[in-house]
């Protein structure tokens, strides 16, 4: 299975993010948005709200998942079997 990771703060998510994700999802079996949890950044929306907004934006796209993480993107990617990142 070819999986791609799309990490970012997504504060807020916008049409450009969705467009990139939609195009990449056509090339891979699975795409996962991972929302970065960084307590040192002042964000407009909470982590839960950002995840919810992304889920609403990609509903109906079966091979796109949404999650959040804390730490290094490289660790998340290698621990979860991702072959590429956006």
N, C-alpha and C. Protein backbone atom coordinates (compact mmCIF):
# COMPACT_ATOMS: atom_id res chain seq x y z
N UNK A 1 0.85 -1.18 0.00
CA UNK A 1 0.00 0.00 0.00
C UNK A 1 0.89 1.24 0.00
N UNK A 2 0.61 2.16 -0.92
CA UNK A 2 1.37 3.42 -1.00
C UNK A 2 0.61 4.50 -0.23
N UNK A 3 1.27 5.03 0.80
CA UNK A 3 0.63 6.01 1.67
C UNK A 3 1.44 7.30 1.66
N UNK A 4 0.71 8.44 1.69
CA UNK A 4 1.36 9.74 1.73
C UNK A 4 0.82 10.52 2.93
N UNK A 5 1.71 11.27 3.53
CA UNK A 5 1.41 12.04 4.73
C UNK A 5 1.37 13.53 4.38
N UNK A 6 0.36 14.22 4.90
CA UNK A 6 0.22 15.67 4.68
C UNK A 6 0.22 16.34 6.04
N UNK A 7 1.41 16.69 6.57
CA UNK A 7 1.49 17.32 7.89
C UNK A 7 1.36 18.84 7.80
N UNK A 8 0.87 19.44 8.87
CA UNK A 8 0.80 20.90 8.96
C UNK A 8 -0.05 21.33 10.14
N UNK A 9 -0.09 22.64 10.37
CA UNK A 9 -0.94 23.14 11.45
C UNK A 9 -2.37 23.35 10.95
N UNK A 10 -2.53 23.66 9.68
CA UNK A 10 -3.85 23.83 9.06
C UNK A 10 -4.75 24.74 9.90
N UNK A 11 -4.23 25.92 10.17
CA UNK A 11 -4.94 26.87 11.04
C UNK A 11 -5.18 28.18 10.31
N UNK A 12 -6.21 28.23 9.51
CA UNK A 12 -7.24 27.24 9.25
C UNK A 12 -6.94 26.46 7.97
N UNK A 13 -7.70 25.41 7.77
CA UNK A 13 -7.67 24.66 6.51
C UNK A 13 -8.27 25.57 5.43
N UNK A 14 -7.75 25.49 4.21
CA UNK A 14 -8.34 26.30 3.14
C UNK A 14 -8.39 25.48 1.84
N UNK A 15 -8.99 26.06 0.82
CA UNK A 15 -9.19 25.34 -0.43
C UNK A 15 -7.89 24.89 -1.08
N UNK A 16 -6.82 25.63 -0.89
CA UNK A 16 -5.52 25.23 -1.44
C UNK A 16 -5.05 23.92 -0.84
N UNK A 17 -5.21 23.78 0.49
CA UNK A 17 -4.84 22.52 1.16
C UNK A 17 -5.68 21.36 0.60
N UNK A 18 -6.96 21.59 0.47
CA UNK A 18 -7.88 20.54 -0.01
C UNK A 18 -7.55 20.16 -1.44
N UNK A 19 -7.24 21.13 -2.28
CA UNK A 19 -6.89 20.86 -3.67
C UNK A 19 -5.63 20.00 -3.76
N UNK A 20 -4.60 20.36 -3.01
CA UNK A 20 -3.36 19.58 -3.01
C UNK A 20 -3.64 18.16 -2.54
N UNK A 21 -4.39 18.02 -1.46
CA UNK A 21 -4.71 16.70 -0.91
C UNK A 21 -5.51 15.87 -1.91
N UNK A 22 -6.47 16.47 -2.55
CA UNK A 22 -7.30 15.74 -3.51
C UNK A 22 -6.48 15.22 -4.68
N UNK A 23 -5.57 16.05 -5.17
CA UNK A 23 -4.72 15.63 -6.28
C UNK A 23 -3.76 14.52 -5.86
N UNK A 24 -3.16 14.67 -4.68
CA UNK A 24 -2.22 13.65 -4.19
C UNK A 24 -2.94 12.34 -3.89
N UNK A 25 -4.16 12.42 -3.38
CA UNK A 25 -4.93 11.21 -3.05
C UNK A 25 -5.22 10.36 -4.27
N UNK A 26 -5.24 10.97 -5.44
CA UNK A 26 -5.45 10.22 -6.68
C UNK A 26 -4.23 9.38 -7.05
N UNK A 27 -3.06 9.75 -6.54
CA UNK A 27 -1.82 9.07 -6.88
C UNK A 27 -1.40 8.01 -5.87
N UNK A 28 -2.05 8.02 -4.69
CA UNK A 28 -1.69 7.11 -3.61
C UNK A 28 -2.92 6.34 -3.14
N UNK A 29 -2.67 5.22 -2.48
CA UNK A 29 -3.76 4.43 -1.93
C UNK A 29 -4.40 5.12 -0.73
N UNK A 30 -3.60 5.85 0.02
CA UNK A 30 -4.10 6.52 1.22
C UNK A 30 -3.34 7.82 1.45
N UNK A 31 -4.07 8.86 1.84
CA UNK A 31 -3.48 10.13 2.25
C UNK A 31 -3.98 10.42 3.65
N UNK A 32 -3.06 10.88 4.50
CA UNK A 32 -3.46 11.24 5.85
C UNK A 32 -3.01 12.66 6.18
N UNK A 33 -3.99 13.51 6.48
CA UNK A 33 -3.70 14.81 7.06
C UNK A 33 -3.29 14.55 8.51
N UNK A 34 -2.18 15.12 8.94
CA UNK A 34 -1.85 15.07 10.36
C UNK A 34 -1.63 16.49 10.83
N UNK A 35 -2.45 16.88 11.77
CA UNK A 35 -2.44 18.24 12.30
C UNK A 35 -1.41 18.32 13.42
N UNK A 36 -0.47 19.23 13.28
CA UNK A 36 0.60 19.38 14.25
C UNK A 36 0.09 20.06 15.52
N UNK A 37 0.42 19.47 16.63
CA UNK A 37 0.10 20.04 17.94
C UNK A 37 1.38 20.66 18.47
N UNK A 38 1.45 21.98 18.43
CA UNK A 38 2.64 22.70 18.87
C UNK A 38 2.21 23.75 19.89
N UNK A 39 2.44 23.49 21.18
CA UNK A 39 2.00 24.43 22.21
C UNK A 39 2.72 25.78 22.17
N UNK A 40 3.81 25.86 21.42
CA UNK A 40 4.54 27.13 21.32
C UNK A 40 3.93 28.08 20.28
N UNK A 41 3.01 27.58 19.47
CA UNK A 41 2.35 28.41 18.46
C UNK A 41 0.99 28.87 18.97
N UNK A 42 0.68 30.12 18.70
CA UNK A 42 -0.66 30.62 18.98
C UNK A 42 -1.52 30.30 17.76
N UNK A 43 -2.55 29.49 17.98
CA UNK A 43 -3.41 29.10 16.86
C UNK A 43 -4.78 29.74 17.00
N UNK A 44 -5.43 29.92 15.88
CA UNK A 44 -6.77 30.47 15.85
C UNK A 44 -7.78 29.46 16.37
N UNK A 45 -7.63 28.18 15.94
CA UNK A 45 -8.55 27.13 16.31
C UNK A 45 -7.86 26.07 17.16
N UNK A 46 -8.62 25.40 18.00
CA UNK A 46 -8.09 24.31 18.81
C UNK A 46 -7.74 23.13 17.90
N UNK A 47 -6.97 22.19 18.42
CA UNK A 47 -6.61 21.01 17.64
C UNK A 47 -7.84 20.21 17.24
N UNK A 48 -8.80 20.08 18.16
CA UNK A 48 -10.03 19.34 17.85
C UNK A 48 -10.83 20.02 16.75
N UNK A 49 -10.90 21.34 16.81
CA UNK A 49 -11.65 22.09 15.79
C UNK A 49 -10.98 21.96 14.43
N UNK A 50 -9.64 22.04 14.39
CA UNK A 50 -8.93 21.91 13.11
C UNK A 50 -9.15 20.53 12.51
N UNK A 51 -9.08 19.48 13.33
CA UNK A 51 -9.32 18.12 12.85
C UNK A 51 -10.75 18.01 12.32
N UNK A 52 -11.71 18.56 13.05
CA UNK A 52 -13.12 18.51 12.64
C UNK A 52 -13.32 19.23 11.31
N UNK A 53 -12.74 20.41 11.15
CA UNK A 53 -12.88 21.17 9.91
C UNK A 53 -12.31 20.41 8.72
N UNK A 54 -11.17 19.75 8.92
CA UNK A 54 -10.57 18.98 7.83
C UNK A 54 -11.46 17.79 7.48
N UNK A 55 -11.95 17.08 8.50
CA UNK A 55 -12.82 15.93 8.25
C UNK A 55 -14.06 16.35 7.46
N UNK A 56 -14.64 17.49 7.82
CA UNK A 56 -15.80 17.99 7.08
C UNK A 56 -15.44 18.33 5.64
N UNK A 57 -14.23 18.87 5.44
CA UNK A 57 -13.81 19.29 4.10
C UNK A 57 -13.51 18.13 3.17
N UNK A 58 -13.15 16.98 3.74
CA UNK A 58 -12.79 15.84 2.89
C UNK A 58 -13.79 14.69 2.99
N UNK A 59 -14.94 14.95 3.61
CA UNK A 59 -15.94 13.88 3.71
C UNK A 59 -16.32 13.43 2.30
N UNK A 60 -16.46 12.15 2.14
CA UNK A 60 -16.77 11.60 0.83
C UNK A 60 -15.56 11.15 0.05
N UNK A 61 -14.38 11.52 0.51
CA UNK A 61 -13.14 11.06 -0.13
C UNK A 61 -12.61 9.90 0.71
N UNK A 62 -12.91 8.70 0.26
CA UNK A 62 -12.68 7.49 1.05
C UNK A 62 -11.24 7.18 1.43
N UNK A 63 -10.27 7.66 0.66
CA UNK A 63 -8.90 7.30 0.99
C UNK A 63 -8.13 8.42 1.70
N UNK A 64 -8.86 9.39 2.26
CA UNK A 64 -8.23 10.47 3.02
C UNK A 64 -8.63 10.34 4.49
N UNK A 65 -7.60 10.27 5.36
CA UNK A 65 -7.82 10.19 6.80
C UNK A 65 -7.31 11.48 7.45
N UNK A 66 -7.74 11.71 8.70
CA UNK A 66 -7.32 12.90 9.43
C UNK A 66 -6.94 12.47 10.85
N UNK A 67 -5.81 12.98 11.32
CA UNK A 67 -5.35 12.68 12.66
C UNK A 67 -4.56 13.89 13.17
N UNK A 68 -4.03 13.79 14.38
CA UNK A 68 -3.14 14.84 14.89
C UNK A 68 -1.93 14.18 15.52
N UNK A 69 -0.86 14.96 15.71
CA UNK A 69 0.34 14.41 16.31
C UNK A 69 1.12 15.49 17.04
N UNK A 70 2.00 15.02 17.90
CA UNK A 70 2.94 15.89 18.60
C UNK A 70 4.31 15.26 18.40
N UNK A 71 5.26 16.03 18.02
CA UNK A 71 6.61 15.50 17.82
C UNK A 71 7.12 15.79 16.43
N UNK A 72 8.04 14.94 15.99
CA UNK A 72 8.67 15.11 14.70
C UNK A 72 7.90 14.38 13.60
N UNK A 73 7.73 15.05 12.48
CA UNK A 73 7.02 14.46 11.35
C UNK A 73 7.72 13.20 10.88
N UNK A 74 9.04 13.21 10.84
CA UNK A 74 9.79 12.04 10.37
C UNK A 74 9.52 10.82 11.25
N UNK A 75 9.38 11.02 12.56
CA UNK A 75 9.06 9.91 13.46
C UNK A 75 7.66 9.38 13.19
N UNK A 76 6.70 10.28 13.03
CA UNK A 76 5.32 9.87 12.74
C UNK A 76 5.27 9.08 11.43
N UNK A 77 5.94 9.59 10.41
CA UNK A 77 5.92 8.94 9.10
C UNK A 77 6.54 7.55 9.16
N UNK A 78 7.71 7.43 9.79
CA UNK A 78 8.36 6.12 9.82
C UNK A 78 7.63 5.13 10.72
N UNK A 79 7.02 5.61 11.79
CA UNK A 79 6.28 4.71 12.69
C UNK A 79 4.97 4.24 12.09
N UNK A 80 4.46 4.93 11.07
CA UNK A 80 3.17 4.59 10.48
C UNK A 80 3.25 4.14 9.03
N UNK A 81 4.45 3.87 8.53
CA UNK A 81 4.62 3.28 7.21
C UNK A 81 4.37 4.18 6.02
N UNK A 82 4.64 5.47 6.16
CA UNK A 82 4.44 6.39 5.03
C UNK A 82 5.66 6.41 4.14
N UNK A 83 5.42 6.40 2.83
CA UNK A 83 6.51 6.40 1.86
C UNK A 83 6.81 7.79 1.33
N UNK A 84 5.94 8.76 1.61
CA UNK A 84 6.14 10.12 1.10
C UNK A 84 5.39 11.12 1.97
N UNK A 85 5.82 12.38 1.89
CA UNK A 85 5.10 13.48 2.55
C UNK A 85 4.91 14.58 1.52
N UNK A 86 3.90 15.37 1.78
CA UNK A 86 3.64 16.54 0.92
C UNK A 86 4.35 17.72 1.55
